[in-house]
Amino acid sequence: MTTPLPDIRPRRTRATPAWRRLVAQTRLHARELVLPMFVREGVSEPVPISSMPGVVQHTTDSFKRALHDAADAGIGGVMLFGVPAHKDATGSGADDPDGILNVATRIAAAEVGGDLVVQTDLCLDEFTDHGHCGVLDGAGRVDNDASLERYRAMALAQASAGSALLGLSGMMDGQVRAVRDVLDAHGHHDTAILGYAAKYASALYGPFREAVQSSLEGDRRTYQLDPANAREGEREAAIDVAEGADVVMVKPASLYLDVLSRVAAASPVPVWAYQVSGEYSMIEAAAANGWIDRERAVLESLVSIRRAGADGILTYWAVEAAHLLQDGAGA
């Protein structure tokens, strides 16, 4: 007796690379990628970050070269982080016009401001000797409203240096409204705000703390979100939109694709995701051990974030992924 053949054959449209390209439901483009970059004060050569193979703390000279490489690759933007030589309790270097982040911002705006969206991290953690994202009160707790005053000063410094998009990553209540108000009051109406709305207290930030030489002791669970809470992430995103954010962020990406999908479904503004240092380092480590195909894993991880709803992705593979896409590796 002959077994009846299936009536429906979905495999037809998977048969060749040309078919698979034609019917792909999620497409990844270089212009949707943003490269996070670290610029370190007081070094004469780029400093490799041991926990993030292939990523360095740039000198101002190597930074210029990397900016042009990023622009030539056709990615969408760069997100800048400063690594200062000196830290103090209030993070005074963060709003110093001659501080490393503001110097780097002026360089980026001058070198590639017409080709890339120059973005800056607006947070105190790289600049404080205690490593928290805000200033501390007398009891050693993060003082939300005092931190907003520092964010206002940082916003003016970064906008004046030429940042097109301020990345508010500190997770203080009211941060978007505070920054929007001070920008508008000083004529920076065209400077956009990226609200790190759903930023979770994740274990995946470990390598980043080496990258910025973080001084943190303890944790940030009183201001970053509990990994157990998805609806809270949606709520935070809605608050940031209401306060004037031009873009909202979900961070990390890979372990929070459900949150990303929910935020993307509800948001009237673009939604981005940050593929954080731990996500990067896990794939690099597995590939170095021969356990996975590195290039396939890189592109698959990025496609999964786009598939979940991200309009843009911050990733340390931005330039490499752009070249892979140009070479057809995503086919």
C-alpha atoms as a PDB file:
ATOM      1  CA  MET A   1       0.000   0.000   0.000  1.00  0.00           C
ATOM      2  CA  THR A   2       1.391   3.419  -0.986  1.00  0.00           C
ATOM      3  CA  THR A   3       1.611   6.009   1.742  1.00  0.00           C
ATOM      4  CA  PRO A   4      -0.144   9.217   0.607  1.00  0.00           C
ATOM      5  CA  LEU A   5       2.206  12.055  -0.147  1.00  0.00           C
ATOM      6  CA  PRO A   6       1.835  15.233   1.895  1.00  0.00           C
ATOM      7  CA  ASP A   7      -0.472  17.789   0.309  1.00  0.00           C
ATOM      8  CA  ILE A   8       1.479  20.785   1.628  1.00  0.00           C
ATOM      9  CA  ARG A   9       5.232  21.077   1.108  1.00  0.00           C
ATOM     10  CA  PRO A  10       6.779  24.095   2.868  1.00  0.00           C
ATOM     11  CA  ARG A  11      10.228  22.812   1.931  1.00  0.00           C
ATOM     12  CA  ARG A  12       9.782  24.079  -1.623  1.00  0.00           C
ATOM     13  CA  THR A  13      10.728  27.602  -0.594  1.00  0.00           C
ATOM     14  CA  ARG A  14      13.783  26.435   1.368  1.00  0.00           C
ATOM     15  CA  ALA A  15      15.349  24.520  -1.508  1.00  0.00           C
ATOM     16  CA  THR A  16      18.069  26.976  -2.587  1.00  0.00           C
ATOM     17  CA  PRO A  17      19.875  30.028  -1.223  1.00  0.00           C
ATOM     18  CA  ALA A  18      18.017  32.151  -3.776  1.00  0.00           C
ATOM     19  CA  TRP A  19      14.658  30.891  -2.495  1.00  0.00           C
ATOM     20  CA  ARG A  20      15.641  31.434   1.110  1.00  0.00           C
ATOM     21  CA  ARG A  21      16.753  35.010   0.402  1.00  0.00           C
ATOM     22  CA  LEU A  22      13.550  35.736  -1.489  1.00  0.00           C
ATOM     23  CA  VAL A  23      11.154  34.588   1.241  1.00  0.00           C
ATOM     24  CA  ALA A  24      13.119  35.669   4.333  1.00  0.00           C
ATOM     25  CA  GLN A  25      10.710  37.216   6.817  1.00  0.00           C
ATOM     26  CA  THR A  26      13.384  39.072   8.788  1.00  0.00           C
ATOM     27  CA  ARG A  27      16.141  41.022   7.082  1.00  0.00           C
ATOM     28  CA  LEU A  28      19.259  42.441   8.683  1.00  0.00           C
ATOM     29  CA  HIS A  29      20.947  45.532   7.256  1.00  0.00           C
ATOM     30  CA  ALA A  30      24.197  47.221   8.229  1.00  0.00           C
ATOM     31  CA  ARG A  31      22.431  50.555   8.669  1.00  0.00           C
ATOM     32  CA  GLU A  32      20.449  49.077  11.594  1.00  0.00           C
ATOM     33  CA  LEU A  33      23.623  48.413  13.605  1.00  0.00           C
ATOM     34  CA  VAL A  34      25.349  50.693  16.128  1.00  0.00           C
ATOM     35  CA  LEU A  35      28.913  50.112  17.322  1.00  0.00           C
ATOM     36  CA  PRO A  36      29.722  50.763  21.010  1.00  0.00           C
ATOM     37  CA  MET A  37      33.251  52.220  21.330  1.00  0.00           C
ATOM     38  CA  PHE A  38      35.518  52.854  24.311  1.00  0.00           C
ATOM     39  CA  VAL A  39      37.998  55.739  24.387  1.00  0.00           C
ATOM     40  CA  ARG A  40      40.536  55.779  27.209  1.00  0.00           C
ATOM     41  CA  GLU A  41      42.331  58.790  28.592  1.00  0.00           C
ATOM     42  CA  GLY A  42      46.111  58.781  28.931  1.00  0.00           C
ATOM     43  CA  VAL A  43      47.121  55.784  26.804  1.00  0.00           C
ATOM     44  CA  SER A  44      49.427  55.807  23.782  1.00  0.00           C
ATOM     45  CA  GLU A  45      48.326  52.485  22.280  1.00  0.00           C
ATOM     46  CA  PRO A  46      44.938  50.748  22.093  1.00  0.00           C
ATOM     47  CA  VAL A  47      44.383  48.539  25.147  1.00  0.00           C
ATOM     48  CA  PRO A  48      42.828  45.102  24.468  1.00  0.00           C
ATOM     49  CA  ILE A  49      39.920  44.108  26.713  1.00  0.00           C
ATOM     50  CA  SER A  50      40.766  40.572  27.817  1.00  0.00           C
ATOM     51  CA  SER A  51      37.172  39.453  28.394  1.00  0.00           C
ATOM     52  CA  MET A  52      36.022  40.840  25.017  1.00  0.00           C
ATOM     53  CA  PRO A  53      38.361  39.428  22.348  1.00  0.00           C
ATOM     54  CA  GLY A  54      38.731  41.844  19.452  1.00  0.00           C
ATOM     55  CA  VAL A  55      37.460  44.895  21.386  1.00  0.00           C
ATOM     56  CA  VAL A  56      39.835  47.598  22.651  1.00  0.00           C
ATOM     57  CA  GLN A  57      39.961  50.794  24.635  1.00  0.00           C
ATOM     58  CA  HIS A  58      40.964  53.283  21.949  1.00  0.00           C
ATOM     59  CA  THR A  59      43.443  56.091  21.992  1.00  0.00           C
ATOM     60  CA  THR A  60      42.149  59.237  20.322  1.00  0.00           C
ATOM     61  CA  ASP A  61      44.217  58.370  17.232  1.00  0.00           C
ATOM     62  CA  SER A  62      43.048  54.765  16.923  1.00  0.00           C
ATOM     63  CA  PHE A  63      39.538  56.002  17.621  1.00  0.00           C
ATOM     64  CA  LYS A  64      39.654  58.215  14.523  1.00  0.00           C
ATOM     65  CA  ARG A  65      40.703  55.315  12.333  1.00  0.00           C
ATOM     66  CA  ALA A  66      37.984  53.071  13.773  1.00  0.00           C
ATOM     67  CA  LEU A  67      35.359  55.756  13.204  1.00  0.00           C
ATOM     68  CA  HIS A  68      36.190  55.882   9.509  1.00  0.00           C
ATOM     69  CA  ASP A  69      36.165  52.081   9.316  1.00  0.00           C
ATOM     70  CA  ALA A  70      32.667  52.140  10.821  1.00  0.00           C
ATOM     71  CA  ALA A  71      31.466  54.787   8.372  1.00  0.00           C
ATOM     72  CA  ASP A  72      32.959  52.918   5.421  1.00  0.00           C
ATOM     73  CA  ALA A  73      31.170  49.733   6.523  1.00  0.00           C
ATOM     74  CA  GLY A  74      27.825  51.506   6.237  1.00  0.00           C
ATOM     75  CA  ILE A  75      26.586  50.984   9.780  1.00  0.00           C
ATOM     76  CA  GLY A  76      24.104  53.380  11.344  1.00  0.00           C
ATOM     77  CA  GLY A  77      25.973  54.908  14.258  1.00  0.00           C
ATOM     78  CA  VAL A  78      28.432  54.703  17.125  1.00  0.00           C
ATOM     79  CA  MET A  79      27.793  54.805  20.872  1.00  0.00           C
ATOM     80  CA  LEU A  80      30.690  56.334  22.798  1.00  0.00           C
ATOM     81  CA  PHE A  81      31.936  55.493  26.290  1.00  0.00           C
ATOM     82  CA  GLY A  82      34.739  57.335  28.038  1.00  0.00           C
ATOM     83  CA  VAL A  83      37.331  55.722  30.311  1.00  0.00           C
ATOM     84  CA  PRO A  84      38.775  58.541  32.442  1.00  0.00           C
ATOM     85  CA  ALA A  85      42.113  58.607  34.229  1.00  0.00           C
ATOM     86  CA  HIS A  86      40.530  60.122  37.343  1.00  0.00           C
ATOM     87  CA  LYS A  87      37.276  59.320  39.149  1.00  0.00           C
ATOM     88  CA  ASP A  88      35.544  60.952  42.088  1.00  0.00           C
ATOM     89  CA  ALA A  89      32.329  60.706  44.083  1.00  0.00           C
ATOM     90  CA  THR A  90      30.260  62.914  41.768  1.00  0.00           C
ATOM     91  CA  GLY A  91      31.806  61.886  38.459  1.00  0.00           C
ATOM     92  CA  SER A  92      33.036  65.404  37.736  1.00  0.00           C
ATOM     93  CA  GLY A  93      34.823  64.274  34.583  1.00  0.00           C
ATOM     94  CA  ALA A  94      31.497  63.433  32.968  1.00  0.00           C
ATOM     95  CA  ASP A  95      30.525  67.045  32.268  1.00  0.00           C
ATOM     96  CA  ASP A  96      34.027  68.497  32.000  1.00  0.00           C
ATOM     97  CA  PRO A  97      34.354  69.840  28.425  1.00  0.00           C
ATOM     98  CA  ASP A  98      37.902  68.470  28.434  1.00  0.00           C
ATOM     99  CA  GLY A  99      36.838  65.115  29.869  1.00  0.00           C
ATOM    100  CA  ILE A 100      37.595  62.105  27.707  1.00  0.00           C
ATOM    101  CA  LEU A 101      34.020  61.399  26.623  1.00  0.00           C
ATOM    102  CA  ASN A 102      33.365  64.965  25.533  1.00  0.00           C
ATOM    103  CA  VAL A 103      36.713  65.123  23.743  1.00  0.00           C
ATOM    104  CA  ALA A 104      35.872  61.873  21.942  1.00  0.00           C
ATOM    105  CA  THR A 105      32.452  63.223  21.019  1.00  0.00           C
ATOM    106  CA  ARG A 106      33.937  66.301  19.388  1.00  0.00           C
ATOM    107  CA  ILE A 107      36.318  64.078  17.437  1.00  0.00           C
ATOM    108  CA  ALA A 108      33.527  61.797  16.253  1.00  0.00           C
ATOM    109  CA  ALA A 109      31.257  64.667  15.270  1.00  0.00           C
ATOM    110  CA  ALA A 110      34.064  66.272  13.263  1.00  0.00           C
ATOM    111  CA  GLU A 111      35.302  63.073  11.629  1.00  0.00           C
ATOM    112  CA  VAL A 112      32.086  61.189  10.770  1.00  0.00           C
ATOM    113  CA  GLY A 113      29.161  63.259  12.004  1.00  0.00           C
ATOM    114  CA  GLY A 114      27.765  63.460   8.488  1.00  0.00           C
ATOM    115  CA  ASP A 115      27.879  59.691   7.947  1.00  0.00           C
ATOM    116  CA  LEU A 116      27.054  58.189  11.343  1.00  0.00           C
ATOM    117  CA  VAL A 117      24.681  59.093  14.170  1.00  0.00           C
ATOM    118  CA  VAL A 118      27.120  60.017  16.946  1.00  0.00           C
ATOM    119  CA  GLN A 119      25.704  58.816  20.253  1.00  0.00           C
ATOM    120  CA  THR A 120      26.999  59.172  23.798  1.00  0.00           C
ATOM    121  CA  ASP A 121      26.438  57.223  26.981  1.00  0.00           C
ATOM    122  CA  LEU A 122      24.894  59.534  29.562  1.00  0.00           C
ATOM    123  CA  CYS A 123      25.632  57.791  32.824  1.00  0.00           C
ATOM    124  CA  LEU A 124      27.971  58.355  35.744  1.00  0.00           C
ATOM    125  CA  ASP A 125      29.230  54.823  36.339  1.00  0.00           C
ATOM    126  CA  GLU A 126      32.430  55.218  34.285  1.00  0.00           C
ATOM    127  CA  PHE A 127      33.267  58.444  36.132  1.00  0.00           C
ATOM    128  CA  THR A 128      32.453  57.718  39.801  1.00  0.00           C
ATOM    129  CA  ASP A 129      34.894  56.172  42.246  1.00  0.00           C
ATOM    130  CA  HIS A 130      32.066  54.082  43.725  1.00  0.00           C
ATOM    131  CA  GLY A 131      30.948  52.833  40.295  1.00  0.00           C
ATOM    132  CA  HIS A 132      27.258  53.586  40.635  1.00  0.00           C
ATOM    133  CA  CYS A 133      25.195  55.270  37.935  1.00  0.00           C
ATOM    134  CA  GLY A 134      24.301  58.191  40.193  1.00  0.00           C
ATOM    135  CA  VAL A 135      25.575  60.121  43.184  1.00  0.00           C
ATOM    136  CA  LEU A 136      25.229  58.690  46.673  1.00  0.00           C
ATOM    137  CA  ASP A 137      23.479  60.153  49.714  1.00  0.00           C
ATOM    138  CA  GLY A 138      24.850  60.157  53.259  1.00  0.00           C
ATOM    139  CA  ALA A 139      23.722  56.586  53.800  1.00  0.00           C
ATOM    140  CA  GLY A 140      25.482  55.315  50.677  1.00  0.00           C
ATOM    141  CA  ARG A 141      22.281  54.925  48.646  1.00  0.00           C
ATOM    142  CA  VAL A 142      21.880  56.208  45.089  1.00  0.00           C
ATOM    143  CA  ASP A 143      20.110  59.573  45.311  1.00  0.00           C
ATOM    144  CA  ASN A 144      17.691  59.706  42.386  1.00  0.00           C
ATOM    145  CA  ASP A 145      17.024  63.461  42.242  1.00  0.00           C
ATOM    146  CA  ALA A 146      20.594  64.534  42.961  1.00  0.00           C
ATOM    147  CA  SER A 147      21.670  62.212  40.152  1.00  0.00           C
ATOM    148  CA  LEU A 148      19.256  63.974  37.787  1.00  0.00           C
ATOM    149  CA  GLU A 149      21.110  67.224  38.416  1.00  0.00           C
ATOM    150  CA  ARG A 150      24.336  65.574  37.285  1.00  0.00           C
ATOM    151  CA  TYR A 151      22.559  64.139  34.227  1.00  0.00           C
ATOM    152  CA  ARG A 152      21.370  67.611  33.259  1.00  0.00           C
ATOM    153  CA  ALA A 153      24.942  68.890  33.358  1.00  0.00           C
ATOM    154  CA  MET A 154      26.164  65.895  31.351  1.00  0.00           C
ATOM    155  CA  ALA A 155      23.432  66.406  28.770  1.00  0.00           C
ATOM    156  CA  LEU A 156      24.487  69.976  28.106  1.00  0.00           C
ATOM    157  CA  ALA A 157      28.146  69.000  27.871  1.00  0.00           C
ATOM    158  CA  GLN A 158      27.475  66.141  25.466  1.00  0.00           C
ATOM    159  CA  ALA A 159      25.082  68.111  23.285  1.00  0.00           C
ATOM    160  CA  SER A 160      27.557  71.001  23.125  1.00  0.00           C
ATOM    161  CA  ALA A 161      30.296  68.541  22.104  1.00  0.00           C
ATOM    162  CA  GLY A 162      28.203  67.394  19.150  1.00  0.00           C
ATOM    163  CA  SER A 163      26.346  64.293  20.284  1.00  0.00           C
ATOM    164  CA  ALA A 164      23.259  63.715  18.148  1.00  0.00           C
ATOM    165  CA  LEU A 165      21.692  61.187  20.515  1.00  0.00           C
ATOM    166  CA  LEU A 166      22.097  60.979  24.282  1.00  0.00           C
ATOM    167  CA  GLY A 167      21.879  57.437  25.656  1.00  0.00           C
ATOM    168  CA  LEU A 168      20.312  57.728  29.110  1.00  0.00           C
ATOM    169  CA  SER A 169      21.419  54.464  30.678  1.00  0.00           C
ATOM    170  CA  GLY A 170      21.368  55.319  34.395  1.00  0.00           C
ATOM    171  CA  MET A 171      17.783  54.140  35.102  1.00  0.00           C
ATOM    172  CA  MET A 172      16.901  57.045  37.384  1.00  0.00           C
ATOM    173  CA  ASP A 173      13.197  57.879  37.616  1.00  0.00           C
ATOM    174  CA  GLY A 174      12.392  60.990  35.591  1.00  0.00           C
ATOM    175  CA  GLN A 175      15.688  61.038  33.697  1.00  0.00           C
ATOM    176  CA  VAL A 176      14.193  61.516  30.239  1.00  0.00           C
ATOM    177  CA  ARG A 177      12.024  64.463  31.280  1.00  0.00           C
ATOM    178  CA  ALA A 178      14.893  66.080  33.203  1.00  0.00           C
ATOM    179  CA  VAL A 179      17.238  65.873  30.229  1.00  0.00           C
ATOM    180  CA  ARG A 180      14.646  66.895  27.652  1.00  0.00           C
ATOM    181  CA  ASP A 181      13.758  69.974  29.677  1.00  0.00           C
ATOM    182  CA  VAL A 182      17.348  71.155  30.087  1.00  0.00           C
ATOM    183  CA  LEU A 183      18.206  70.510  26.439  1.00  0.00           C
ATOM    184  CA  ASP A 184      15.227  72.516  25.238  1.00  0.00           C
ATOM    185  CA  ALA A 185      15.869  75.319  27.712  1.00  0.00           C
ATOM    186  CA  HIS A 186      19.372  75.751  26.266  1.00  0.00           C
ATOM    187  CA  GLY A 187      18.399  75.540  22.594  1.00  0.00           C
ATOM    188  CA  HIS A 188      19.378  71.926  21.928  1.00  0.00           C
ATOM    189  CA  HIS A 189      15.988  71.103  20.427  1.00  0.00           C
ATOM    190  CA  ASP A 190      17.474  68.817  17.776  1.00  0.00           C
ATOM    191  CA  THR A 191      19.461  66.635  20.186  1.00  0.00           C
ATOM    192  CA  ALA A 192      17.608  63.326  20.491  1.00  0.00           C
ATOM    193  CA  ILE A 193      17.196  61.085  23.534  1.00  0.00           C
ATOM    194  CA  LEU A 194      17.586  57.321  23.724  1.00  0.00           C
ATOM    195  CA  GLY A 195      15.881  56.084  26.863  1.00  0.00           C
ATOM    196  CA  TYR A 196      17.373  52.895  28.264  1.00  0.00           C
ATOM    197  CA  ALA A 197      13.868  52.041  29.366  1.00  0.00           C
ATOM    198  CA  ALA A 198      13.962  48.320  30.084  1.00  0.00           C
ATOM    199  CA  LYS A 199      17.491  47.883  31.409  1.00  0.00           C
ATOM    200  CA  TYR A 200      17.726  44.791  33.563  1.00  0.00           C
ATOM    201  CA  ALA A 201      20.050  43.999  36.465  1.00  0.00           C
ATOM    202  CA  SER A 202      21.777  41.297  34.455  1.00  0.00           C
ATOM    203  CA  ALA A 203      24.775  39.039  35.021  1.00  0.00           C
ATOM    204  CA  LEU A 204      25.761  39.692  31.404  1.00  0.00           C
ATOM    205  CA  TYR A 205      27.443  43.059  32.033  1.00  0.00           C
ATOM    206  CA  GLY A 206      30.606  41.586  33.526  1.00  0.00           C
ATOM    207  CA  PRO A 207      32.994  42.106  30.584  1.00  0.00           C
ATOM    208  CA  PHE A 208      31.742  45.676  30.117  1.00  0.00           C
ATOM    209  CA  ARG A 209      32.898  46.499  33.616  1.00  0.00           C
ATOM    210  CA  GLU A 210      36.410  45.594  32.592  1.00  0.00           C
ATOM    211  CA  ALA A 211      35.982  47.698  29.454  1.00  0.00           C
ATOM    212  CA  VAL A 212      35.187  50.848  31.442  1.00  0.00           C
ATOM    213  CA  GLN A 213      37.349  49.896  34.438  1.00  0.00           C
ATOM    214  CA  SER A 214      34.331  50.037  36.712  1.00  0.00           C
ATOM    215  CA  SER A 215      34.868  50.643  40.412  1.00  0.00           C
ATOM    216  CA  LEU A 216      31.509  49.136  41.374  1.00  0.00           C
ATOM    217  CA  GLU A 217      31.124  47.246  44.612  1.00  0.00           C
ATOM    218  CA  GLY A 218      27.751  45.668  45.270  1.00  0.00           C
ATOM    219  CA  ASP A 219      25.050  45.762  42.628  1.00  0.00           C
ATOM    220  CA  ARG A 220      22.525  48.026  40.891  1.00  0.00           C
ATOM    221  CA  ARG A 221      19.334  46.189  41.718  1.00  0.00           C
ATOM    222  CA  THR A 222      17.689  49.196  43.349  1.00  0.00           C
ATOM    223  CA  TYR A 223      17.506  50.994  40.013  1.00  0.00           C
ATOM    224  CA  GLN A 224      17.894  48.411  37.247  1.00  0.00           C
ATOM    225  CA  LEU A 225      14.977  46.061  36.586  1.00  0.00           C
ATOM    226  CA  ASP A 226      14.425  42.649  38.134  1.00  0.00           C
ATOM    227  CA  PRO A 227      15.005  39.958  35.456  1.00  0.00           C
ATOM    228  CA  ALA A 228      11.737  38.320  36.562  1.00  0.00           C
ATOM    229  CA  ASN A 229       9.575  41.266  35.458  1.00  0.00           C
ATOM    230  CA  ALA A 230       8.407  41.652  31.871  1.00  0.00           C
ATOM    231  CA  ARG A 231       5.449  43.992  32.432  1.00  0.00           C
ATOM    232  CA  GLU A 232       7.713  46.342  34.362  1.00  0.00           C
ATOM    233  CA  GLY A 233       9.860  46.685  31.262  1.00  0.00           C
ATOM    234  CA  GLU A 234       6.799  47.643  29.224  1.00  0.00           C
ATOM    235  CA  ARG A 235       5.822  50.189  31.851  1.00  0.00           C
ATOM    236  CA  GLU A 236       9.264  51.782  31.923  1.00  0.00           C
ATOM    237  CA  ALA A 237       9.252  52.086  28.133  1.00  0.00           C
ATOM    238  CA  ALA A 238       5.835  53.754  28.190  1.00  0.00           C
ATOM    239  CA  ILE A 239       7.057  56.226  30.819  1.00  0.00           C
ATOM    240  CA  ASP A 240      10.124  57.129  28.756  1.00  0.00           C
ATOM    241  CA  VAL A 241       7.984  57.697  25.662  1.00  0.00           C
ATOM    242  CA  ALA A 242       5.620  59.912  27.667  1.00  0.00           C
ATOM    243  CA  GLU A 243       8.586  61.934  28.962  1.00  0.00           C
ATOM    244  CA  GLY A 244       9.882  62.602  25.460  1.00  0.00           C
ATOM    245  CA  ALA A 245      12.265  59.795  24.469  1.00  0.00           C
ATOM    246  CA  ASP A 246      12.857  59.612  20.720  1.00  0.00           C
ATOM    247  CA  VAL A 247      13.999  55.974  20.935  1.00  0.00           C
ATOM    248  CA  VAL A 248      13.682  53.405  23.729  1.00  0.00           C
ATOM    249  CA  MET A 249      16.002  50.542  24.592  1.00  0.00           C
ATOM    250  CA  VAL A 250      15.748  46.988  25.890  1.00  0.00           C
ATOM    251  CA  LYS A 251      18.976  45.738  27.477  1.00  0.00           C
ATOM    252  CA  PRO A 252      20.313  43.028  27.401  1.00  0.00           C
ATOM    253  CA  ALA A 253      18.904  41.587  24.187  1.00  0.00           C
ATOM    254  CA  SER A 254      19.207  37.806  23.912  1.00  0.00           C
ATOM    255  CA  LEU A 255      17.774  36.801  27.290  1.00  0.00           C
ATOM    256  CA  TYR A 256      15.013  39.433  27.030  1.00  0.00           C
ATOM    257  CA  LEU A 257      13.561  38.822  23.567  1.00  0.00           C
ATOM    258  CA  ASP A 258      10.096  38.451  25.092  1.00  0.00           C
ATOM    259  CA  VAL A 259      10.367  41.902  26.674  1.00  0.00           C
ATOM    260  CA  LEU A 260      11.709  43.310  23.416  1.00  0.00           C
ATOM    261  CA  SER A 261       8.770  41.874  21.495  1.00  0.00           C
ATOM    262  CA  ARG A 262       6.241  43.291  23.941  1.00  0.00           C
ATOM    263  CA  VAL A 263       7.837  46.735  23.977  1.00  0.00           C
ATOM    264  CA  ALA A 264       8.110  46.800  20.181  1.00  0.00           C
ATOM    265  CA  ALA A 265       4.438  45.877  19.790  1.00  0.00           C
ATOM    266  CA  ALA A 266       3.333  48.794  21.963  1.00  0.00           C
ATOM    267  CA  SER A 267       5.877  51.528  21.258  1.00  0.00           C
ATOM    268  CA  PRO A 268       5.106  54.496  18.983  1.00  0.00           C
ATOM    269  CA  VAL A 269       8.842  55.302  18.751  1.00  0.00           C
ATOM    270  CA  PRO A 270      11.725  53.165  17.478  1.00  0.00           C
ATOM    271  CA  VAL A 271      12.828  50.350  19.789  1.00  0.00           C
ATOM    272  CA  TRP A 272      16.469  49.320  19.973  1.00  0.00           C
ATOM    273  CA  ALA A 273      18.229  46.510  21.816  1.00  0.00           C
ATOM    274  CA  TYR A 274      21.749  46.319  23.205  1.00  0.00           C
ATOM    275  CA  GLN A 275      23.571  43.046  22.595  1.00  0.00           C
ATOM    276  CA  VAL A 276      25.720  43.451  25.672  1.00  0.00           C
ATOM    277  CA  SER A 277      29.271  42.421  26.493  1.00  0.00           C
ATOM    278  CA  GLY A 278      28.348  39.079  28.035  1.00  0.00           C
ATOM    279  CA  GLU A 279      26.350  38.092  24.968  1.00  0.00           C
ATOM    280  CA  TYR A 280      29.349  38.963  22.806  1.00  0.00           C
ATOM    281  CA  SER A 281      31.854  37.172  25.005  1.00  0.00           C
ATOM    282  CA  MET A 282      29.833  33.962  25.318  1.00  0.00           C
ATOM    283  CA  ILE A 283      29.724  33.508  21.550  1.00  0.00           C
ATOM    284  CA  GLU A 284      33.389  34.435  21.188  1.00  0.00           C
ATOM    285  CA  ALA A 285      34.379  31.951  23.912  1.00  0.00           C
ATOM    286  CA  ALA A 286      32.298  29.116  22.468  1.00  0.00           C
ATOM    287  CA  ALA A 287      33.700  29.772  19.001  1.00  0.00           C
ATOM    288  CA  ALA A 288      37.273  29.893  20.316  1.00  0.00           C
ATOM    289  CA  ASN A 289      36.723  26.417  21.762  1.00  0.00           C
ATOM    290  CA  GLY A 290      35.424  25.131  18.429  1.00  0.00           C
ATOM    291  CA  TRP A 291      31.942  24.484  19.803  1.00  0.00           C
ATOM    292  CA  ILE A 292      30.012  26.683  17.367  1.00  0.00           C
ATOM    293  CA  ASP A 293      30.413  28.238  13.930  1.00  0.00           C
ATOM    294  CA  ARG A 294      31.352  31.770  14.893  1.00  0.00           C
ATOM    295  CA  GLU A 295      30.133  33.732  11.877  1.00  0.00           C
ATOM    296  CA  ARG A 296      26.836  31.868  11.707  1.00  0.00           C
ATOM    297  CA  ALA A 297      26.279  32.389  15.421  1.00  0.00           C
ATOM    298  CA  VAL A 298      27.020  36.113  15.169  1.00  0.00           C
ATOM    299  CA  LEU A 299      24.519  36.670  12.378  1.00  0.00           C
ATOM    300  CA  GLU A 300      21.913  34.341  13.885  1.00  0.00           C
ATOM    301  CA  SER A 301      22.082  36.211  17.184  1.00  0.00           C
ATOM    302  CA  LEU A 302      21.516  39.529  15.412  1.00  0.00           C
ATOM    303  CA  VAL A 303      18.682  38.200  13.262  1.00  0.00           C
ATOM    304  CA  SER A 304      16.944  36.869  16.377  1.00  0.00           C
ATOM    305  CA  ILE A 305      17.016  40.352  17.916  1.00  0.00           C
ATOM    306  CA  ARG A 306      15.606  41.899  14.743  1.00  0.00           C
ATOM    307  CA  ARG A 307      12.987  39.141  14.554  1.00  0.00           C
ATOM    308  CA  ALA A 308      11.826  39.961  18.081  1.00  0.00           C
ATOM    309  CA  GLY A 309      11.143  43.537  17.018  1.00  0.00           C
ATOM    310  CA  ALA A 310      14.293  45.643  17.364  1.00  0.00           C
ATOM    311  CA  ASP A 311      14.546  48.485  14.883  1.00  0.00           C
ATOM    312  CA  GLY A 312      18.228  48.905  15.708  1.00  0.00           C
ATOM    313  CA  ILE A 313      20.885  46.901  17.543  1.00  0.00           C
ATOM    314  CA  LEU A 314      23.908  48.028  19.520  1.00  0.00           C
ATOM    315  CA  THR A 315      26.488  45.310  18.954  1.00  0.00           C
ATOM    316  CA  TYR A 316      30.265  44.982  19.198  1.00  0.00           C
ATOM    317  CA  TRP A 317      30.099  43.054  15.919  1.00  0.00           C
ATOM    318  CA  ALA A 318      28.532  45.954  14.023  1.00  0.00           C
ATOM    319  CA  VAL A 319      31.383  46.518  11.568  1.00  0.00           C
ATOM    320  CA  GLU A 320      32.189  42.833  11.133  1.00  0.00           C
ATOM    321  CA  ALA A 321      28.526  41.966  10.646  1.00  0.00           C
ATOM    322  CA  ALA A 322      28.218  44.707   8.035  1.00  0.00           C
ATOM    323  CA  HIS A 323      31.066  43.125   6.063  1.00  0.00           C
ATOM    324  CA  LEU A 324      29.571  39.645   6.428  1.00  0.00           C
ATOM    325  CA  LEU A 325      26.266  40.908   5.090  1.00  0.00           C
ATOM    326  CA  GLN A 326      28.007  42.551   2.148  1.00  0.00           C
ATOM    327  CA  ASP A 327      29.742  39.237   1.391  1.00  0.00           C
ATOM    328  CA  GLY A 328      26.435  37.372   1.453  1.00  0.00           C
ATOM    329  CA  ALA A 329      27.167  35.375   4.601  1.00  0.00           C
ATOM    330  CA  GLY A 330      23.603  35.880   5.786  1.00  0.00           C
ATOM    331  CA  ALA A 331      22.149  34.113   2.735  1.00  0.00           C
END
